[in-house]
Amino acid sequence: IGDVSGDGVNEIASYSNLHDVGGGVNSIHLFDAELIELDGFPENLAETYNMWTPYATAMGDLDLDGNMEIVVVNGPEIHVFTVTSDGEEPISVVWPNLRHDAAQSAFYHFGAVPKPIFVRGDATGDGLIELVDVIRMAMYIFAGDDHSCEAAIDFDADGGLTLLDVIETAAFLFLGGAAPPAPYPDCGEKPAEETRSCFQFECG
């Protein structure tokens, strides 16, 4: 429910899944407060994925122009509908190739599967190794804090997350100790031989 048409009155967005009834297709609907369908609707979704049931619709101002858009997932595609109050046909944009990330987690992206990137020893993801990184390492290893990239915390790249990683990071910062293995000093992709997980796709 939201003011998709920009006329100051909320509309109701929904979808139908009628491909088993009379040869229909998956469609998106937009109704006014009196349940009268707005001009241009229903809009059919891509017939390629009619074997899929569309997910529930959502509304939001995706492009920050002050107007709401309708978003619906149909199979591996995301459809975004823009509606105006001047009677023009709704505009539909399709974002294809919706994929899980490389770890099959709850994170989604579009196009090619991204590769994790990080600086070893950088526990905050800002591309630098500082005192706060030593603290974050210790909090993860000893207090069970969450972290998206264990590989970055594994300072010596030995596959273990121990007190030694904290000590070696502090020694590097304050005592001139050895630098960590790659990726360092710049952000880099997770090495193929890396055994620790990393779900970090931005760095610096």
C-alpha atoms as a PDB file:
ATOM      1  CA  ILE A   1       0.000   0.000   0.000  1.00  0.00           C
ATOM      2  CA  GLY A   2       1.362   3.413  -0.977  1.00  0.00           C
ATOM      3  CA  ASP A   3       0.887   6.492  -3.131  1.00  0.00           C
ATOM      4  CA  VAL A   4       2.429   5.109  -6.299  1.00  0.00           C
ATOM      5  CA  SER A   5       0.666   7.495  -8.705  1.00  0.00           C
ATOM      6  CA  GLY A   6       1.660  10.616  -6.776  1.00  0.00           C
ATOM      7  CA  ASP A   7      -1.905  11.923  -6.459  1.00  0.00           C
ATOM      8  CA  GLY A   8      -1.908  12.031  -2.662  1.00  0.00           C
ATOM      9  CA  VAL A   9      -4.068   8.903  -2.310  1.00  0.00           C
ATOM     10  CA  ASN A  10      -2.712   5.447  -1.495  1.00  0.00           C
ATOM     11  CA  GLU A  11      -2.997   2.607  -4.001  1.00  0.00           C
ATOM     12  CA  ILE A  12      -2.886  -1.145  -3.464  1.00  0.00           C
ATOM     13  CA  ALA A  13      -0.392  -3.229  -5.449  1.00  0.00           C
ATOM     14  CA  SER A  14      -0.799  -6.970  -5.859  1.00  0.00           C
ATOM     15  CA  TYR A  15       0.011  -9.761  -8.259  1.00  0.00           C
ATOM     16  CA  SER A  16      -1.862 -12.647  -9.844  1.00  0.00           C
ATOM     17  CA  ASN A  17      -0.616 -16.054 -10.834  1.00  0.00           C
ATOM     18  CA  LEU A  18      -3.040 -17.294 -13.499  1.00  0.00           C
ATOM     19  CA  HIS A  19      -0.887 -19.252 -15.912  1.00  0.00           C
ATOM     20  CA  ASP A  20      -2.868 -22.392 -15.086  1.00  0.00           C
ATOM     21  CA  VAL A  21      -6.211 -20.679 -15.695  1.00  0.00           C
ATOM     22  CA  GLY A  22      -7.137 -20.046 -19.317  1.00  0.00           C
ATOM     23  CA  GLY A  23      -3.579 -19.487 -20.488  1.00  0.00           C
ATOM     24  CA  GLY A  24      -3.088 -16.333 -18.396  1.00  0.00           C
ATOM     25  CA  VAL A  25       0.274 -15.025 -17.239  1.00  0.00           C
ATOM     26  CA  ASN A  26       1.817 -13.657 -14.072  1.00  0.00           C
ATOM     27  CA  SER A  27       0.625 -10.060 -13.719  1.00  0.00           C
ATOM     28  CA  ILE A  28       1.036  -7.053 -11.462  1.00  0.00           C
ATOM     29  CA  HIS A  29      -2.092  -5.079 -10.477  1.00  0.00           C
ATOM     30  CA  LEU A  30      -2.606  -1.595  -9.046  1.00  0.00           C
ATOM     31  CA  PHE A  31      -5.941  -0.601  -7.486  1.00  0.00           C
ATOM     32  CA  ASP A  32      -7.219   2.669  -6.089  1.00  0.00           C
ATOM     33  CA  ALA A  33      -9.003   2.966  -2.723  1.00  0.00           C
ATOM     34  CA  GLU A  34     -12.271   1.842  -4.358  1.00  0.00           C
ATOM     35  CA  LEU A  35     -10.555  -1.269  -5.781  1.00  0.00           C
ATOM     36  CA  ILE A  36     -10.731   0.082  -9.347  1.00  0.00           C
ATOM     37  CA  GLU A  37      -7.675  -0.883 -11.362  1.00  0.00           C
ATOM     38  CA  LEU A  38      -5.577   2.049 -12.570  1.00  0.00           C
ATOM     39  CA  ASP A  39      -5.009   2.717 -16.264  1.00  0.00           C
ATOM     40  CA  GLY A  40      -2.256   0.569 -17.722  1.00  0.00           C
ATOM     41  CA  PHE A  41      -2.827  -2.318 -15.325  1.00  0.00           C
ATOM     42  CA  PRO A  42      -2.670  -5.235 -15.069  1.00  0.00           C
ATOM     43  CA  GLU A  43       0.870  -5.418 -16.447  1.00  0.00           C
ATOM     44  CA  ASN A  44       2.052  -8.836 -17.562  1.00  0.00           C
ATOM     45  CA  LEU A  45       5.419 -10.062 -16.346  1.00  0.00           C
ATOM     46  CA  ALA A  46       7.917 -11.906 -18.533  1.00  0.00           C
ATOM     47  CA  GLU A  47       6.283 -15.047 -19.932  1.00  0.00           C
ATOM     48  CA  THR A  48       9.611 -16.863 -19.665  1.00  0.00           C
ATOM     49  CA  TYR A  49       9.100 -17.327 -15.939  1.00  0.00           C
ATOM     50  CA  ASN A  50       5.377 -18.025 -15.742  1.00  0.00           C
ATOM     51  CA  MET A  51       6.100 -21.318 -14.027  1.00  0.00           C
ATOM     52  CA  TRP A  52       7.264 -19.232 -11.057  1.00  0.00           C
ATOM     53  CA  THR A  53       4.880 -17.668  -8.564  1.00  0.00           C
ATOM     54  CA  PRO A  54       5.751 -13.965  -8.187  1.00  0.00           C
ATOM     55  CA  TYR A  55       6.852 -12.861  -4.774  1.00  0.00           C
ATOM     56  CA  ALA A  56       4.813 -10.335  -2.810  1.00  0.00           C
ATOM     57  CA  THR A  57       5.028  -6.818  -4.154  1.00  0.00           C
ATOM     58  CA  ALA A  58       6.849  -3.995  -2.394  1.00  0.00           C
ATOM     59  CA  MET A  59       6.850  -0.219  -2.782  1.00  0.00           C
ATOM     60  CA  GLY A  60       9.568   2.342  -2.258  1.00  0.00           C
ATOM     61  CA  ASP A  61      11.163   5.463  -3.709  1.00  0.00           C
ATOM     62  CA  LEU A  62      14.118   3.682  -5.287  1.00  0.00           C
ATOM     63  CA  ASP A  63      15.468   6.628  -7.287  1.00  0.00           C
ATOM     64  CA  LEU A  64      14.756   9.279  -4.606  1.00  0.00           C
ATOM     65  CA  ASP A  65      12.640  11.399  -6.951  1.00  0.00           C
ATOM     66  CA  GLY A  66       9.759  11.673  -4.496  1.00  0.00           C
ATOM     67  CA  ASN A  67       7.646   9.062  -6.284  1.00  0.00           C
ATOM     68  CA  MET A  68       7.037   5.479  -5.228  1.00  0.00           C
ATOM     69  CA  GLU A  69       7.917   2.521  -7.433  1.00  0.00           C
ATOM     70  CA  ILE A  70       6.466  -1.005  -7.366  1.00  0.00           C
ATOM     71  CA  VAL A  71       8.912  -3.893  -7.099  1.00  0.00           C
ATOM     72  CA  VAL A  72       8.045  -7.538  -7.750  1.00  0.00           C
ATOM     73  CA  VAL A  73      10.251 -10.615  -8.227  1.00  0.00           C
ATOM     74  CA  ASN A  74       9.277 -12.993 -11.049  1.00  0.00           C
ATOM     75  CA  GLY A  75      11.547 -16.015 -11.212  1.00  0.00           C
ATOM     76  CA  PRO A  76      15.162 -14.762 -11.346  1.00  0.00           C
ATOM     77  CA  GLU A  77      14.046 -11.305 -12.530  1.00  0.00           C
ATOM     78  CA  ILE A  78      13.141  -8.174 -10.605  1.00  0.00           C
ATOM     79  CA  HIS A  79      10.523  -5.915 -12.205  1.00  0.00           C
ATOM     80  CA  VAL A  80      10.299  -2.261 -11.199  1.00  0.00           C
ATOM     81  CA  PHE A  81       7.222  -0.274 -12.225  1.00  0.00           C
ATOM     82  CA  THR A  82       7.075   3.514 -12.287  1.00  0.00           C
ATOM     83  CA  VAL A  83       3.612   5.096 -12.389  1.00  0.00           C
ATOM     84  CA  THR A  84       2.742   8.768 -12.994  1.00  0.00           C
ATOM     85  CA  SER A  85      -0.427  10.693 -12.228  1.00  0.00           C
ATOM     86  CA  ASP A  86      -0.726  12.104 -15.758  1.00  0.00           C
ATOM     87  CA  GLY A  87      -2.381   9.030 -17.240  1.00  0.00           C
ATOM     88  CA  GLU A  88       0.689   7.728 -19.076  1.00  0.00           C
ATOM     89  CA  GLU A  89       1.302   4.016 -19.377  1.00  0.00           C
ATOM     90  CA  PRO A  90       3.343   2.566 -16.483  1.00  0.00           C
ATOM     91  CA  ILE A  91       7.026   2.178 -17.200  1.00  0.00           C
ATOM     92  CA  SER A  92       8.554  -1.203 -16.433  1.00  0.00           C
ATOM     93  CA  VAL A  93      12.262  -1.839 -15.903  1.00  0.00           C
ATOM     94  CA  VAL A  94      13.553  -5.402 -15.623  1.00  0.00           C
ATOM     95  CA  TRP A  95      16.698  -6.236 -13.681  1.00  0.00           C
ATOM     96  CA  PRO A  96      17.738  -9.681 -15.001  1.00  0.00           C
ATOM     97  CA  ASN A  97      19.972 -12.341 -13.555  1.00  0.00           C
ATOM     98  CA  LEU A  98      19.148 -12.033  -9.884  1.00  0.00           C
ATOM     99  CA  ARG A  99      21.672 -14.231  -8.109  1.00  0.00           C
ATOM    100  CA  HIS A 100      22.796 -15.273  -4.673  1.00  0.00           C
ATOM    101  CA  ASP A 101      26.277 -14.212  -3.731  1.00  0.00           C
ATOM    102  CA  ALA A 102      29.124 -16.691  -3.935  1.00  0.00           C
ATOM    103  CA  ALA A 103      28.320 -18.102  -0.499  1.00  0.00           C
ATOM    104  CA  GLN A 104      24.628 -18.670  -1.296  1.00  0.00           C
ATOM    105  CA  SER A 105      23.785 -16.431   1.657  1.00  0.00           C
ATOM    106  CA  ALA A 106      20.845 -14.052   1.960  1.00  0.00           C
ATOM    107  CA  PHE A 107      22.719 -11.364  -0.010  1.00  0.00           C
ATOM    108  CA  TYR A 108      21.698 -10.775  -3.627  1.00  0.00           C
ATOM    109  CA  HIS A 109      23.344  -9.007  -6.512  1.00  0.00           C
ATOM    110  CA  PHE A 110      23.000  -8.682 -10.269  1.00  0.00           C
ATOM    111  CA  GLY A 111      25.143  -9.994 -13.110  1.00  0.00           C
ATOM    112  CA  ALA A 112      28.381 -11.883 -12.558  1.00  0.00           C
ATOM    113  CA  VAL A 113      29.082 -13.380  -9.160  1.00  0.00           C
ATOM    114  CA  PRO A 114      31.327 -10.911  -7.262  1.00  0.00           C
ATOM    115  CA  LYS A 115      34.517 -11.978  -5.540  1.00  0.00           C
ATOM    116  CA  PRO A 116      35.246 -11.118  -1.908  1.00  0.00           C
ATOM    117  CA  ILE A 117      37.863  -8.389  -1.401  1.00  0.00           C
ATOM    118  CA  PHE A 118      39.718  -7.321   1.722  1.00  0.00           C
ATOM    119  CA  VAL A 119      43.011  -6.185   3.229  1.00  0.00           C
ATOM    120  CA  ARG A 120      44.477  -8.795   5.533  1.00  0.00           C
ATOM    121  CA  GLY A 121      44.539  -7.436   9.046  1.00  0.00           C
ATOM    122  CA  ASP A 122      41.815  -4.878   8.293  1.00  0.00           C
ATOM    123  CA  ALA A 123      38.959  -5.971  10.547  1.00  0.00           C
ATOM    124  CA  THR A 124      36.805  -2.894   9.856  1.00  0.00           C
ATOM    125  CA  GLY A 125      36.785  -3.038   6.044  1.00  0.00           C
ATOM    126  CA  ASP A 126      38.091   0.513   5.568  1.00  0.00           C
ATOM    127  CA  GLY A 127      41.265  -0.595   3.771  1.00  0.00           C
ATOM    128  CA  LEU A 128      43.587   0.348   6.668  1.00  0.00           C
ATOM    129  CA  ILE A 129      45.190  -1.497   9.578  1.00  0.00           C
ATOM    130  CA  GLU A 130      44.774   0.500  12.778  1.00  0.00           C
ATOM    131  CA  LEU A 131      44.326   0.046  16.522  1.00  0.00           C
ATOM    132  CA  VAL A 132      40.580  -0.377  16.048  1.00  0.00           C
ATOM    133  CA  ASP A 133      41.287  -3.443  13.906  1.00  0.00           C
ATOM    134  CA  VAL A 134      43.220  -5.061  16.748  1.00  0.00           C
ATOM    135  CA  ILE A 135      40.240  -4.420  19.020  1.00  0.00           C
ATOM    136  CA  ARG A 136      37.759  -5.826  16.458  1.00  0.00           C
ATOM    137  CA  MET A 137      39.900  -8.939  16.019  1.00  0.00           C
ATOM    138  CA  ALA A 138      39.974  -9.546  19.766  1.00  0.00           C
ATOM    139  CA  MET A 139      36.217  -8.962  20.054  1.00  0.00           C
ATOM    140  CA  TYR A 140      35.541 -11.501  17.284  1.00  0.00           C
ATOM    141  CA  ILE A 141      37.968 -14.150  18.518  1.00  0.00           C
ATOM    142  CA  PHE A 142      37.220 -13.919  22.234  1.00  0.00           C
ATOM    143  CA  ALA A 143      33.770 -12.300  22.568  1.00  0.00           C
ATOM    144  CA  GLY A 144      31.975 -13.904  19.616  1.00  0.00           C
ATOM    145  CA  ASP A 145      31.184 -10.676  17.742  1.00  0.00           C
ATOM    146  CA  ASP A 146      29.886 -11.056  14.190  1.00  0.00           C
ATOM    147  CA  HIS A 147      32.186 -10.451  11.237  1.00  0.00           C
ATOM    148  CA  SER A 148      31.656 -10.761   7.487  1.00  0.00           C
ATOM    149  CA  CYS A 149      35.256 -11.604   6.572  1.00  0.00           C
ATOM    150  CA  GLU A 150      37.187 -14.062   8.739  1.00  0.00           C
ATOM    151  CA  ALA A 151      40.000 -14.073   6.190  1.00  0.00           C
ATOM    152  CA  ALA A 152      40.771 -10.436   6.995  1.00  0.00           C
ATOM    153  CA  ILE A 153      41.128 -11.300  10.700  1.00  0.00           C
ATOM    154  CA  ASP A 154      43.494 -14.205   9.977  1.00  0.00           C
ATOM    155  CA  PHE A 155      46.570 -11.929  10.043  1.00  0.00           C
ATOM    156  CA  ASP A 156      49.152 -14.638   9.421  1.00  0.00           C
ATOM    157  CA  ALA A 157      46.967 -16.558   6.917  1.00  0.00           C
ATOM    158  CA  ASP A 158      47.531 -19.844   8.731  1.00  0.00           C
ATOM    159  CA  GLY A 159      43.832 -20.745   8.760  1.00  0.00           C
ATOM    160  CA  GLY A 160      43.439 -20.226  12.493  1.00  0.00           C
ATOM    161  CA  LEU A 161      41.864 -17.341  14.392  1.00  0.00           C
ATOM    162  CA  THR A 162      43.779 -17.104  17.649  1.00  0.00           C
ATOM    163  CA  LEU A 163      45.441 -14.718  20.073  1.00  0.00           C
ATOM    164  CA  LEU A 164      48.497 -14.916  17.824  1.00  0.00           C
ATOM    165  CA  ASP A 165      46.642 -12.963  15.107  1.00  0.00           C
ATOM    166  CA  VAL A 166      45.899 -10.177  17.582  1.00  0.00           C
ATOM    167  CA  ILE A 167      49.501 -10.098  18.834  1.00  0.00           C
ATOM    168  CA  GLU A 168      50.989 -10.108  15.323  1.00  0.00           C
ATOM    169  CA  THR A 169      48.687  -7.288  14.199  1.00  0.00           C
ATOM    170  CA  ALA A 170      49.645  -5.189  17.229  1.00  0.00           C
ATOM    171  CA  ALA A 171      53.338  -5.973  16.678  1.00  0.00           C
ATOM    172  CA  PHE A 172      53.056  -4.889  13.041  1.00  0.00           C
ATOM    173  CA  LEU A 173      51.406  -1.613  14.049  1.00  0.00           C
ATOM    174  CA  PHE A 174      53.537  -0.608  17.003  1.00  0.00           C
ATOM    175  CA  LEU A 175      56.755  -2.656  17.036  1.00  0.00           C
ATOM    176  CA  GLY A 176      57.746  -2.891  13.378  1.00  0.00           C
ATOM    177  CA  GLY A 177      56.670  -6.504  13.092  1.00  0.00           C
ATOM    178  CA  ALA A 178      56.185  -8.400   9.852  1.00  0.00           C
ATOM    179  CA  ALA A 179      53.485  -7.272   7.429  1.00  0.00           C
ATOM    180  CA  PRO A 180      50.637  -9.673   6.699  1.00  0.00           C
ATOM    181  CA  PRO A 181      50.527 -11.845   3.574  1.00  0.00           C
ATOM    182  CA  ALA A 182      48.494 -10.751   0.540  1.00  0.00           C
ATOM    183  CA  PRO A 183      46.132  -9.158   0.070  1.00  0.00           C
ATOM    184  CA  TYR A 184      48.137  -6.302   1.574  1.00  0.00           C
ATOM    185  CA  PRO A 185      48.648  -3.310   1.457  1.00  0.00           C
ATOM    186  CA  ASP A 186      45.902  -2.773  -1.115  1.00  0.00           C
ATOM    187  CA  CYS A 187      42.443  -4.308  -1.229  1.00  0.00           C
ATOM    188  CA  GLY A 188      42.556  -7.570  -3.128  1.00  0.00           C
ATOM    189  CA  GLU A 189      40.504 -10.621  -3.966  1.00  0.00           C
ATOM    190  CA  LYS A 190      40.323 -13.546  -1.619  1.00  0.00           C
ATOM    191  CA  PRO A 191      43.190 -15.911  -2.557  1.00  0.00           C
ATOM    192  CA  ALA A 192      42.169 -19.269  -3.979  1.00  0.00           C
ATOM    193  CA  GLU A 193      44.038 -21.093  -1.212  1.00  0.00           C
ATOM    194  CA  GLU A 194      42.349 -19.090   1.558  1.00  0.00           C
ATOM    195  CA  THR A 195      40.517 -21.403   3.945  1.00  0.00           C
ATOM    196  CA  ARG A 196      38.671 -18.754   5.963  1.00  0.00           C
ATOM    197  CA  SER A 197      35.356 -17.367   4.729  1.00  0.00           C
ATOM    198  CA  CYS A 198      34.824 -13.824   3.453  1.00  0.00           C
ATOM    199  CA  PHE A 199      31.516 -12.247   2.402  1.00  0.00           C
ATOM    200  CA  GLN A 200      32.891  -8.710   2.072  1.00  0.00           C
ATOM    201  CA  PHE A 201      32.476  -7.203  -1.403  1.00  0.00           C
ATOM    202  CA  GLU A 202      33.579  -3.620  -0.711  1.00  0.00           C
ATOM    203  CA  CYS A 203      36.872  -2.446   0.699  1.00  0.00           C
ATOM    204  CA  GLY A 204      38.344   0.923   1.566  1.00  0.00           C
END
